[in-house]
mmCIF file of all heavy atoms, coordinates in Angstrom:
data_MODEL
# 
_entry.id   MODEL 
# 
loop_
_atom_site.group_PDB 
_atom_site.id 
_atom_site.type_symbol 
_atom_site.label_atom_id 
_atom_site.label_alt_id 
_atom_site.label_comp_id 
_atom_site.label_asym_id 
_atom_site.label_entity_id 
_atom_site.label_seq_id 
_atom_site.pdbx_PDB_ins_code 
_atom_site.Cartn_x 
_atom_site.Cartn_y 
_atom_site.Cartn_z 
_atom_site.occupancy 
_atom_site.B_iso_or_equiv 
_atom_site.pdbx_formal_charge 
_atom_site.auth_seq_id 
_atom_site.auth_comp_id 
_atom_site.auth_asym_id 
_atom_site.auth_atom_id 
_atom_site.pdbx_PDB_model_num 
ATOM 1   N N   . ILE A 1 1  ? 349.045 78.666 187.708 1.00 0.00 ? 1  ILE A N   1 
ATOM 2   C CA  . ILE A 1 1  ? 349.655 77.569 188.432 1.00 0.00 ? 1  ILE A CA  1 
ATOM 3   C C   . ILE A 1 1  ? 351.123 77.828 188.745 1.00 0.00 ? 1  ILE A C   1 
ATOM 4   O O   . ILE A 1 1  ? 351.609 77.631 189.838 1.00 0.00 ? 1  ILE A O   1 
ATOM 5   C CB  . ILE A 1 1  ? 349.489 76.255 187.634 1.00 0.00 ? 1  ILE A CB  1 
ATOM 6   C CG1 . ILE A 1 1  ? 348.030 75.884 187.466 1.00 0.00 ? 1  ILE A CG1 1 
ATOM 7   C CG2 . ILE A 1 1  ? 350.223 75.096 188.335 1.00 0.00 ? 1  ILE A CG2 1 
ATOM 8   C CD1 . ILE A 1 1  ? 347.756 74.808 186.424 1.00 0.00 ? 1  ILE A CD1 1 
ATOM 9   N N   . ALA A 1 2  ? 351.843 78.335 187.715 1.00 0.00 ? 2  ALA A N   1 
ATOM 10  C CA  . ALA A 1 2  ? 353.249 78.655 187.895 1.00 0.00 ? 2  ALA A CA  1 
ATOM 11  C C   . ALA A 1 2  ? 353.425 79.726 188.970 1.00 0.00 ? 2  ALA A C   1 
ATOM 12  O O   . ALA A 1 2  ? 354.390 79.645 189.798 1.00 0.00 ? 2  ALA A O   1 
ATOM 13  C CB  . ALA A 1 2  ? 353.854 79.151 186.589 1.00 0.00 ? 2  ALA A CB  1 
ATOM 14  N N   . GLY A 1 3  ? 352.548 80.706 189.015 1.00 0.00 ? 3  GLY A N   1 
ATOM 15  C CA  . GLY A 1 3  ? 352.612 81.729 190.025 1.00 0.00 ? 3  GLY A CA  1 
ATOM 16  C C   . GLY A 1 3  ? 352.456 81.182 191.433 1.00 0.00 ? 3  GLY A C   1 
ATOM 17  O O   . GLY A 1 3  ? 353.070 81.707 192.390 1.00 0.00 ? 3  GLY A O   1 
ATOM 18  N N   . ARG A 1 4  ? 351.651 80.141 191.598 1.00 0.00 ? 4  ARG A N   1 
ATOM 19  C CA  . ARG A 1 4  ? 351.430 79.568 192.928 1.00 0.00 ? 4  ARG A CA  1 
ATOM 20  C C   . ARG A 1 4  ? 352.650 78.762 193.426 1.00 0.00 ? 4  ARG A C   1 
ATOM 21  O O   . ARG A 1 4  ? 352.841 78.628 194.631 1.00 0.00 ? 4  ARG A O   1 
ATOM 22  C CB  . ARG A 1 4  ? 350.206 78.664 192.886 1.00 0.00 ? 4  ARG A CB  1 
ATOM 23  C CG  . ARG A 1 4  ? 348.900 79.383 192.687 1.00 0.00 ? 4  ARG A CG  1 
ATOM 24  C CD  . ARG A 1 4  ? 348.581 80.351 193.841 1.00 0.00 ? 4  ARG A CD  1 
ATOM 25  N NE  . ARG A 1 4  ? 347.225 80.856 193.728 1.00 0.00 ? 4  ARG A NE  1 
ATOM 26  C CZ  . ARG A 1 4  ? 346.195 80.389 194.398 1.00 0.00 ? 4  ARG A CZ  1 
ATOM 27  N NH1 . ARG A 1 4  ? 346.329 79.348 195.199 1.00 0.00 ? 4  ARG A NH1 1 
ATOM 28  N NH2 . ARG A 1 4  ? 345.018 80.917 194.229 1.00 0.00 ? 4  ARG A NH2 1 
ATOM 29  N N   . ILE A 1 5  ? 353.417 78.216 192.483 1.00 0.00 ? 5  ILE A N   1 
ATOM 30  C CA  . ILE A 1 5  ? 354.559 77.374 192.924 1.00 0.00 ? 5  ILE A CA  1 
ATOM 31  C C   . ILE A 1 5  ? 355.867 78.156 192.864 1.00 0.00 ? 5  ILE A C   1 
ATOM 32  O O   . ILE A 1 5  ? 356.925 77.695 193.291 1.00 0.00 ? 5  ILE A O   1 
ATOM 33  C CB  . ILE A 1 5  ? 354.641 76.084 192.030 1.00 0.00 ? 5  ILE A CB  1 
ATOM 34  C CG1 . ILE A 1 5  ? 355.413 74.959 192.781 1.00 0.00 ? 5  ILE A CG1 1 
ATOM 35  C CG2 . ILE A 1 5  ? 355.271 76.376 190.705 1.00 0.00 ? 5  ILE A CG2 1 
ATOM 36  C CD1 . ILE A 1 5  ? 354.647 74.381 193.945 1.00 0.00 ? 5  ILE A CD1 1 
ATOM 37  N N   . GLY A 1 6  ? 355.795 79.411 192.328 1.00 0.00 ? 6  GLY A N   1 
ATOM 38  C CA  . GLY A 1 6  ? 356.951 80.268 192.324 1.00 0.00 ? 6  GLY A CA  1 
ATOM 39  C C   . GLY A 1 6  ? 357.841 80.143 191.076 1.00 0.00 ? 6  GLY A C   1 
ATOM 40  O O   . GLY A 1 6  ? 359.033 80.466 191.118 1.00 0.00 ? 6  GLY A O   1 
ATOM 41  N N   . VAL A 1 7  ? 357.256 79.675 189.973 1.00 0.00 ? 7  VAL A N   1 
ATOM 42  C CA  . VAL A 1 7  ? 358.008 79.523 188.722 1.00 0.00 ? 7  VAL A CA  1 
ATOM 43  C C   . VAL A 1 7  ? 357.692 80.722 187.826 1.00 0.00 ? 7  VAL A C   1 
ATOM 44  O O   . VAL A 1 7  ? 356.524 80.971 187.522 1.00 0.00 ? 7  VAL A O   1 
ATOM 45  C CB  . VAL A 1 7  ? 357.644 78.211 188.005 1.00 0.00 ? 7  VAL A CB  1 
ATOM 46  C CG1 . VAL A 1 7  ? 358.226 78.178 186.599 1.00 0.00 ? 7  VAL A CG1 1 
ATOM 47  C CG2 . VAL A 1 7  ? 358.125 77.029 188.812 1.00 0.00 ? 7  VAL A CG2 1 
ATOM 48  N N   . PRO A 1 8  ? 358.718 81.455 187.363 1.00 0.00 ? 8  PRO A N   1 
ATOM 49  C CA  . PRO A 1 8  ? 358.439 82.612 186.446 1.00 0.00 ? 8  PRO A CA  1 
ATOM 50  C C   . PRO A 1 8  ? 358.005 82.092 185.082 1.00 0.00 ? 8  PRO A C   1 
ATOM 51  O O   . PRO A 1 8  ? 358.616 81.180 184.525 1.00 0.00 ? 8  PRO A O   1 
ATOM 52  C CB  . PRO A 1 8  ? 359.819 83.305 186.384 1.00 0.00 ? 8  PRO A CB  1 
ATOM 53  C CG  . PRO A 1 8  ? 360.819 82.246 186.720 1.00 0.00 ? 8  PRO A CG  1 
ATOM 54  C CD  . PRO A 1 8  ? 360.145 81.323 187.694 1.00 0.00 ? 8  PRO A CD  1 
ATOM 55  N N   . LEU A 1 9  ? 356.953 82.660 184.567 1.00 0.00 ? 9  LEU A N   1 
ATOM 56  C CA  . LEU A 1 9  ? 356.405 82.256 183.263 1.00 0.00 ? 9  LEU A CA  1 
ATOM 57  C C   . LEU A 1 9  ? 355.828 83.517 182.606 1.00 0.00 ? 9  LEU A C   1 
ATOM 58  O O   . LEU A 1 9  ? 355.029 84.239 183.266 1.00 0.00 ? 9  LEU A O   1 
ATOM 59  C CB  . LEU A 1 9  ? 355.349 81.196 183.411 1.00 0.00 ? 9  LEU A CB  1 
ATOM 60  C CG  . LEU A 1 9  ? 355.009 80.311 182.191 1.00 0.00 ? 9  LEU A CG  1 
ATOM 61  C CD1 . LEU A 1 9  ? 356.214 79.475 181.822 1.00 0.00 ? 9  LEU A CD1 1 
ATOM 62  C CD2 . LEU A 1 9  ? 353.814 79.414 182.492 1.00 0.00 ? 9  LEU A CD2 1 
ATOM 63  N N   . ALA A 1 10 ? 356.225 83.818 181.375 1.00 0.00 ? 10 ALA A N   1 
ATOM 64  C CA  . ALA A 1 10 ? 355.776 85.036 180.723 1.00 0.00 ? 10 ALA A CA  1 
ATOM 65  C C   . ALA A 1 10 ? 355.165 84.689 179.383 1.00 0.00 ? 10 ALA A C   1 
ATOM 66  O O   . ALA A 1 10 ? 355.367 83.609 178.823 1.00 0.00 ? 10 ALA A O   1 
ATOM 67  C CB  . ALA A 1 10 ? 356.976 85.984 180.512 1.00 0.00 ? 10 ALA A CB  1 
ATOM 68  N N   . LEU A 1 11 ? 354.392 85.658 178.800 1.00 0.00 ? 11 LEU A N   1 
ATOM 69  C CA  . LEU A 1 11 ? 353.806 85.451 177.491 1.00 0.00 ? 11 LEU A CA  1 
ATOM 70  C C   . LEU A 1 11 ? 354.882 85.152 176.462 1.00 0.00 ? 11 LEU A C   1 
ATOM 71  O O   . LEU A 1 11 ? 354.674 84.345 175.560 1.00 0.00 ? 11 LEU A O   1 
ATOM 72  C CB  . LEU A 1 11 ? 353.013 86.678 177.073 1.00 0.00 ? 11 LEU A CB  1 
ATOM 73  C CG  . LEU A 1 11 ? 351.600 86.839 177.618 1.00 0.00 ? 11 LEU A CG  1 
ATOM 74  C CD1 . LEU A 1 11 ? 350.983 88.140 177.121 1.00 0.00 ? 11 LEU A CD1 1 
ATOM 75  C CD2 . LEU A 1 11 ? 350.729 85.659 177.199 1.00 0.00 ? 11 LEU A CD2 1 
ATOM 76  N N   . GLU A 1 12 ? 356.051 85.774 176.585 1.00 0.00 ? 12 GLU A N   1 
ATOM 77  C CA  . GLU A 1 12 ? 357.108 85.543 175.628 1.00 0.00 ? 12 GLU A CA  1 
ATOM 78  C C   . GLU A 1 12 ? 357.575 84.087 175.588 1.00 0.00 ? 12 GLU A C   1 
ATOM 79  O O   . GLU A 1 12 ? 358.106 83.602 174.589 1.00 0.00 ? 12 GLU A O   1 
ATOM 80  C CB  . GLU A 1 12 ? 358.311 86.446 175.939 1.00 0.00 ? 12 GLU A CB  1 
ATOM 81  C CG  . GLU A 1 12 ? 358.152 87.887 175.436 1.00 0.00 ? 12 GLU A CG  1 
ATOM 82  C CD  . GLU A 1 12 ? 357.053 88.642 176.147 1.00 0.00 ? 12 GLU A CD  1 
ATOM 83  O OE1 . GLU A 1 12 ? 356.770 88.329 177.324 1.00 0.00 ? 12 GLU A OE1 1 
ATOM 84  O OE2 . GLU A 1 12 ? 356.468 89.554 175.524 1.00 0.00 ? 12 GLU A OE2 1 
ATOM 85  N N   . ASP A 1 13 ? 357.372 83.364 176.694 1.00 0.00 ? 13 ASP A N   1 
ATOM 86  C CA  . ASP A 1 13 ? 357.724 81.940 176.719 1.00 0.00 ? 13 ASP A CA  1 
ATOM 87  C C   . ASP A 1 13 ? 356.879 81.144 175.732 1.00 0.00 ? 13 ASP A C   1 
ATOM 88  O O   . ASP A 1 13 ? 357.348 80.152 175.159 1.00 0.00 ? 13 ASP A O   1 
ATOM 89  C CB  . ASP A 1 13 ? 357.557 81.368 178.099 1.00 0.00 ? 13 ASP A CB  1 
ATOM 90  C CG  . ASP A 1 13 ? 358.574 81.930 179.102 1.00 0.00 ? 13 ASP A CG  1 
ATOM 91  O OD1 . ASP A 1 13 ? 359.747 82.100 178.674 1.00 0.00 ? 13 ASP A OD1 1 
ATOM 92  O OD2 . ASP A 1 13 ? 358.224 82.219 180.264 1.00 0.00 ? 13 ASP A OD2 1 
ATOM 93  N N   . TRP A 1 14 ? 355.628 81.581 175.511 1.00 0.00 ? 14 TRP A N   1 
ATOM 94  C CA  . TRP A 1 14 ? 354.775 80.893 174.569 1.00 0.00 ? 14 TRP A CA  1 
ATOM 95  C C   . TRP A 1 14 ? 355.275 81.129 173.140 1.00 0.00 ? 14 TRP A C   1 
ATOM 96  O O   . TRP A 1 14 ? 355.162 80.224 172.282 1.00 0.00 ? 14 TRP A O   1 
ATOM 97  C CB  . TRP A 1 14 ? 353.322 81.351 174.717 1.00 0.00 ? 14 TRP A CB  1 
ATOM 98  C CG  . TRP A 1 14 ? 352.704 80.857 175.973 1.00 0.00 ? 14 TRP A CG  1 
ATOM 99  C CD1 . TRP A 1 14 ? 352.817 81.393 177.233 1.00 0.00 ? 14 TRP A CD1 1 
ATOM 100 C CD2 . TRP A 1 14 ? 351.926 79.677 176.116 1.00 0.00 ? 14 TRP A CD2 1 
ATOM 101 N NE1 . TRP A 1 14 ? 352.143 80.619 178.135 1.00 0.00 ? 14 TRP A NE1 1 
ATOM 102 C CE2 . TRP A 1 14 ? 351.585 79.543 177.497 1.00 0.00 ? 14 TRP A CE2 1 
ATOM 103 C CE3 . TRP A 1 14 ? 351.478 78.701 175.215 1.00 0.00 ? 14 TRP A CE3 1 
ATOM 104 C CZ2 . TRP A 1 14 ? 350.832 78.537 177.958 1.00 0.00 ? 14 TRP A CZ2 1 
ATOM 105 C CZ3 . TRP A 1 14 ? 350.703 77.681 175.720 1.00 0.00 ? 14 TRP A CZ3 1 
ATOM 106 C CH2 . TRP A 1 14 ? 350.388 77.562 177.052 1.00 0.00 ? 14 TRP A CH2 1 
ATOM 107 N N   . THR A 1 15 ? 355.836 82.287 172.884 1.00 0.00 ? 15 THR A N   1 
ATOM 108 C CA  . THR A 1 15 ? 356.437 82.557 171.574 1.00 0.00 ? 15 THR A CA  1 
ATOM 109 C C   . THR A 1 15 ? 357.755 81.784 171.422 1.00 0.00 ? 15 THR A C   1 
ATOM 110 O O   . THR A 1 15 ? 357.967 81.124 170.422 1.00 0.00 ? 15 THR A O   1 
ATOM 111 C CB  . THR A 1 15 ? 356.687 84.057 171.401 1.00 0.00 ? 15 THR A CB  1 
ATOM 112 O OG1 . THR A 1 15 ? 355.440 84.767 171.525 1.00 0.00 ? 15 THR A OG1 1 
ATOM 113 C CG2 . THR A 1 15 ? 357.295 84.345 170.043 1.00 0.00 ? 15 THR A CG2 1 
ATOM 114 N N   . ARG A 1 16 ? 358.592 81.868 172.412 1.00 0.00 ? 16 ARG A N   1 
ATOM 115 C CA  . ARG A 1 16 ? 359.928 81.266 172.344 1.00 0.00 ? 16 ARG A CA  1 
ATOM 116 C C   . ARG A 1 16 ? 359.861 79.743 172.269 1.00 0.00 ? 16 ARG A C   1 
ATOM 117 O O   . ARG A 1 16 ? 360.617 79.130 171.528 1.00 0.00 ? 16 ARG A O   1 
ATOM 118 C CB  . ARG A 1 16 ? 360.744 81.669 173.591 1.00 0.00 ? 16 ARG A CB  1 
ATOM 119 C CG  . ARG A 1 16 ? 362.148 81.152 173.637 1.00 0.00 ? 16 ARG A CG  1 
ATOM 120 C CD  . ARG A 1 16 ? 362.896 81.682 174.844 1.00 0.00 ? 16 ARG A CD  1 
ATOM 121 N NE  . ARG A 1 16 ? 362.249 81.303 176.073 1.00 0.00 ? 16 ARG A NE  1 
ATOM 122 C CZ  . ARG A 1 16 ? 362.445 80.126 176.678 1.00 0.00 ? 16 ARG A CZ  1 
ATOM 123 N NH1 . ARG A 1 16 ? 363.257 79.225 176.149 1.00 0.00 ? 16 ARG A NH1 1 
ATOM 124 N NH2 . ARG A 1 16 ? 361.829 79.867 177.819 1.00 0.00 ? 16 ARG A NH2 1 
ATOM 125 N N   . ILE A 1 17 ? 358.943 79.126 173.004 1.00 0.00 ? 17 ILE A N   1 
ATOM 126 C CA  . ILE A 1 17 ? 358.900 77.676 173.087 1.00 0.00 ? 17 ILE A CA  1 
ATOM 127 C C   . ILE A 1 17 ? 357.870 77.065 172.165 1.00 0.00 ? 17 ILE A C   1 
ATOM 128 O O   . ILE A 1 17 ? 358.097 76.041 171.541 1.00 0.00 ? 17 ILE A O   1 
ATOM 129 C CB  . ILE A 1 17 ? 358.611 77.228 174.542 1.00 0.00 ? 17 ILE A CB  1 
ATOM 130 C CG1 . ILE A 1 17 ? 359.713 77.767 175.479 1.00 0.00 ? 17 ILE A CG1 1 
ATOM 131 C CG2 . ILE A 1 17 ? 358.548 75.699 174.663 1.00 0.00 ? 17 ILE A CG2 1 
ATOM 132 C CD1 . ILE A 1 17 ? 359.317 77.771 176.935 1.00 0.00 ? 17 ILE A CD1 1 
ATOM 133 N N   . GLY A 1 18 ? 356.695 77.730 172.090 1.00 0.00 ? 18 GLY A N   1 
ATOM 134 C CA  . GLY A 1 18 ? 355.572 77.117 171.367 1.00 0.00 ? 18 GLY A CA  1 
ATOM 135 C C   . GLY A 1 18 ? 355.554 77.383 169.872 1.00 0.00 ? 18 GLY A C   1 
ATOM 136 O O   . GLY A 1 18 ? 355.231 76.484 169.077 1.00 0.00 ? 18 GLY A O   1 
ATOM 137 N N   . ARG A 1 19 ? 355.920 78.618 169.464 1.00 0.00 ? 19 ARG A N   1 
ATOM 138 C CA  . ARG A 1 19 ? 355.858 78.913 168.035 1.00 0.00 ? 19 ARG A CA  1 
ATOM 139 C C   . ARG A 1 19 ? 356.867 78.083 167.258 1.00 0.00 ? 19 ARG A C   1 
ATOM 140 O O   . ARG A 1 19 ? 357.983 77.822 167.700 1.00 0.00 ? 19 ARG A O   1 
ATOM 141 C CB  . ARG A 1 19 ? 356.137 80.413 167.775 1.00 0.00 ? 19 ARG A CB  1 
ATOM 142 C CG  . ARG A 1 19 ? 355.086 81.353 168.322 1.00 0.00 ? 19 ARG A CG  1 
ATOM 143 C CD  . ARG A 1 19 ? 353.668 81.030 167.927 1.00 0.00 ? 19 ARG A CD  1 
ATOM 144 N NE  . ARG A 1 19 ? 353.443 80.889 166.502 1.00 0.00 ? 19 ARG A NE  1 
ATOM 145 C CZ  . ARG A 1 19 ? 353.121 81.872 165.704 1.00 0.00 ? 19 ARG A CZ  1 
ATOM 146 N NH1 . ARG A 1 19 ? 353.026 83.117 166.191 1.00 0.00 ? 19 ARG A NH1 1 
ATOM 147 N NH2 . ARG A 1 19 ? 352.909 81.702 164.416 1.00 0.00 ? 19 ARG A NH2 1 
ATOM 148 N N   . GLY A 1 20 ? 356.431 77.709 166.054 1.00 0.00 ? 20 GLY A N   1 
ATOM 149 C CA  . GLY A 1 20 ? 357.287 76.807 165.233 1.00 0.00 ? 20 GLY A CA  1 
ATOM 150 C C   . GLY A 1 20 ? 357.018 75.336 165.489 1.00 0.00 ? 20 GLY A C   1 
ATOM 151 O O   . GLY A 1 20 ? 357.550 74.483 164.768 1.00 0.00 ? 20 GLY A O   1 
ATOM 152 N N   . THR A 1 21 ? 356.192 75.035 166.485 1.00 0.00 ? 21 THR A N   1 
ATOM 153 C CA  . THR A 1 21 ? 355.857 73.617 166.770 1.00 0.00 ? 21 THR A CA  1 
ATOM 154 C C   . THR A 1 21 ? 354.677 73.208 165.937 1.00 0.00 ? 21 THR A C   1 
ATOM 155 O O   . THR A 1 21 ? 353.628 73.850 165.953 1.00 0.00 ? 21 THR A O   1 
ATOM 156 C CB  . THR A 1 21 ? 355.514 73.452 168.271 1.00 0.00 ? 21 THR A CB  1 
ATOM 157 O OG1 . THR A 1 21 ? 356.596 73.935 169.067 1.00 0.00 ? 21 THR A OG1 1 
ATOM 158 C CG2 . THR A 1 21 ? 355.235 71.979 168.591 1.00 0.00 ? 21 THR A CG2 1 
ATOM 159 N N   . PRO A 1 22 ? 354.785 72.119 165.213 1.00 0.00 ? 22 PRO A N   1 
ATOM 160 C CA  . PRO A 1 22 ? 353.643 71.682 164.399 1.00 0.00 ? 22 PRO A CA  1 
ATOM 161 C C   . PRO A 1 22 ? 352.533 71.093 165.268 1.00 0.00 ? 22 PRO A C   1 
ATOM 162 O O   . PRO A 1 22 ? 352.814 70.454 166.290 1.00 0.00 ? 22 PRO A O   1 
ATOM 163 C CB  . PRO A 1 22 ? 354.251 70.601 163.486 1.00 0.00 ? 22 PRO A CB  1 
ATOM 164 C CG  . PRO A 1 22 ? 355.436 70.082 164.248 1.00 0.00 ? 22 PRO A CG  1 
ATOM 165 C CD  . PRO A 1 22 ? 355.975 71.272 165.024 1.00 0.00 ? 22 PRO A CD  1 
ATOM 166 N N   . THR A 1 23 ? 351.290 71.323 164.860 1.00 0.00 ? 23 THR A N   1 
ATOM 167 C CA  . THR A 1 23 ? 350.148 70.676 165.522 1.00 0.00 ? 23 THR A CA  1 
ATOM 168 C C   . THR A 1 23 ? 349.992 69.299 164.882 1.00 0.00 ? 23 THR A C   1 
ATOM 169 O O   . THR A 1 23 ? 349.752 69.186 163.659 1.00 0.00 ? 23 THR A O   1 
ATOM 170 C CB  . THR A 1 23 ? 348.894 71.500 165.334 1.00 0.00 ? 23 THR A CB  1 
ATOM 171 O OG1 . THR A 1 23 ? 349.014 72.748 166.006 1.00 0.00 ? 23 THR A OG1 1 
ATOM 172 C CG2 . THR A 1 23 ? 347.673 70.777 165.923 1.00 0.00 ? 23 THR A CG2 1 
ATOM 173 N N   . LEU A 1 24 ? 350.107 68.256 165.703 1.00 0.00 ? 24 LEU A N   1 
ATOM 174 C CA  . LEU A 1 24 ? 350.084 66.874 165.236 1.00 0.00 ? 24 LEU A CA  1 
ATOM 175 C C   . LEU A 1 24 ? 348.710 66.209 165.421 1.00 0.00 ? 24 LEU A C   1 
ATOM 176 O O   . LEU A 1 24 ? 348.387 65.250 164.736 1.00 0.00 ? 24 LEU A O   1 
ATOM 177 C CB  . LEU A 1 24 ? 351.148 66.044 165.955 1.00 0.00 ? 24 LEU A CB  1 
ATOM 178 C CG  . LEU A 1 24 ? 352.577 66.561 165.893 1.00 0.00 ? 24 LEU A CG  1 
ATOM 179 C CD1 . LEU A 1 24 ? 353.509 65.612 166.629 1.00 0.00 ? 24 LEU A CD1 1 
ATOM 180 C CD2 . LEU A 1 24 ? 353.042 66.722 164.431 1.00 0.00 ? 24 LEU A CD2 1 
ATOM 181 N N   . VAL A 1 25 ? 347.938 66.714 166.390 1.00 0.00 ? 25 VAL A N   1 
ATOM 182 C CA  . VAL A 1 25 ? 346.694 66.073 166.740 1.00 0.00 ? 25 VAL A CA  1 
ATOM 183 C C   . VAL A 1 25 ? 345.540 66.638 165.926 1.00 0.00 ? 25 VAL A C   1 
ATOM 184 O O   . VAL A 1 25 ? 345.224 67.825 165.999 1.00 0.00 ? 25 VAL A O   1 
ATOM 185 C CB  . VAL A 1 25 ? 346.401 66.206 168.251 1.00 0.00 ? 25 VAL A CB  1 
ATOM 186 C CG1 . VAL A 1 25 ? 345.104 65.511 168.610 1.00 0.00 ? 25 VAL A CG1 1 
ATOM 187 C CG2 . VAL A 1 25 ? 347.580 65.614 169.059 1.00 0.00 ? 25 VAL A CG2 1 
ATOM 188 N N   . ASP A 1 26 ? 344.897 65.798 165.146 1.00 0.00 ? 26 ASP A N   1 
ATOM 189 C CA  . ASP A 1 26 ? 343.822 66.198 164.217 1.00 0.00 ? 26 ASP A CA  1 
ATOM 190 C C   . ASP A 1 26 ? 342.475 66.093 164.907 1.00 0.00 ? 26 ASP A C   1 
ATOM 191 O O   . ASP A 1 26 ? 341.703 65.193 164.666 1.00 0.00 ? 26 ASP A O   1 
ATOM 192 C CB  . ASP A 1 26 ? 343.873 65.330 162.961 1.00 0.00 ? 26 ASP A CB  1 
ATOM 193 C CG  . ASP A 1 26 ? 343.031 65.867 161.826 1.00 0.00 ? 26 ASP A CG  1 
ATOM 194 O OD1 . ASP A 1 26 ? 342.194 66.750 162.093 1.00 0.00 ? 26 ASP A OD1 1 
ATOM 195 O OD2 . ASP A 1 26 ? 343.226 65.441 160.674 1.00 0.00 ? 26 ASP A OD2 1 
ATOM 196 N N   . LEU A 1 27 ? 342.230 67.016 165.842 1.00 0.00 ? 27 LEU A N   1 
ATOM 197 C CA  . LEU A 1 27 ? 341.015 66.984 166.646 1.00 0.00 ? 27 LEU A CA  1 
ATOM 198 C C   . LEU A 1 27 ? 340.188 68.254 166.452 1.00 0.00 ? 27 LEU A C   1 
ATOM 199 O O   . LEU A 1 27 ? 340.740 69.336 166.250 1.00 0.00 ? 27 LEU A O   1 
ATOM 200 C CB  . LEU A 1 27 ? 341.335 66.818 168.130 1.00 0.00 ? 27 LEU A CB  1 
ATOM 201 C CG  . LEU A 1 27 ? 340.975 65.482 168.794 1.00 0.00 ? 27 LEU A CG  1 
ATOM 202 C CD1 . LEU A 1 27 ? 341.809 64.394 168.240 1.00 0.00 ? 27 LEU A CD1 1 
ATOM 203 C CD2 . LEU A 1 27 ? 341.133 65.579 170.282 1.00 0.00 ? 27 LEU A CD2 1 
ATOM 204 N N   . MET A 1 28 ? 338.862 68.120 166.564 1.00 0.00 ? 28 MET A N   1 
ATOM 205 C CA  . MET A 1 28 ? 338.037 69.296 166.615 1.00 0.00 ? 28 MET A CA  1 
ATOM 206 C C   . MET A 1 28 ? 338.397 70.135 167.851 1.00 0.00 ? 28 MET A C   1 
ATOM 207 O O   . MET A 1 28 ? 338.726 69.566 168.880 1.00 0.00 ? 28 MET A O   1 
ATOM 208 C CB  . MET A 1 28 ? 336.549 68.896 166.700 1.00 0.00 ? 28 MET A CB  1 
ATOM 209 C CG  . MET A 1 28 ? 336.050 68.085 165.523 1.00 0.00 ? 28 MET A CG  1 
ATOM 210 S SD  . MET A 1 28 ? 334.286 67.650 165.783 1.00 0.00 ? 28 MET A SD  1 
ATOM 211 C CE  . MET A 1 28 ? 334.067 66.391 164.512 1.00 0.00 ? 28 MET A CE  1 
ATOM 212 N N   . PRO A 1 29 ? 338.370 71.457 167.782 1.00 0.00 ? 29 PRO A N   1 
ATOM 213 C CA  . PRO A 1 29 ? 337.797 72.282 166.710 1.00 0.00 ? 29 PRO A CA  1 
ATOM 214 C C   . PRO A 1 29 ? 338.767 72.552 165.555 1.00 0.00 ? 29 PRO A C   1 
ATOM 215 O O   . PRO A 1 29 ? 338.343 73.053 164.532 1.00 0.00 ? 29 PRO A O   1 
ATOM 216 C CB  . PRO A 1 29 ? 337.433 73.572 167.397 1.00 0.00 ? 29 PRO A CB  1 
ATOM 217 C CG  . PRO A 1 29 ? 338.452 73.704 168.453 1.00 0.00 ? 29 PRO A CG  1 
ATOM 218 C CD  . PRO A 1 29 ? 338.687 72.327 168.955 1.00 0.00 ? 29 PRO A CD  1 
# 
């Protein structure tokens, strides 16, 4: 989706932004 609108997004962004974030939603799986 980001590629279609012209926004740069890399795998490293998932590490930089996502890692360290607690999972709050207690849902399956």
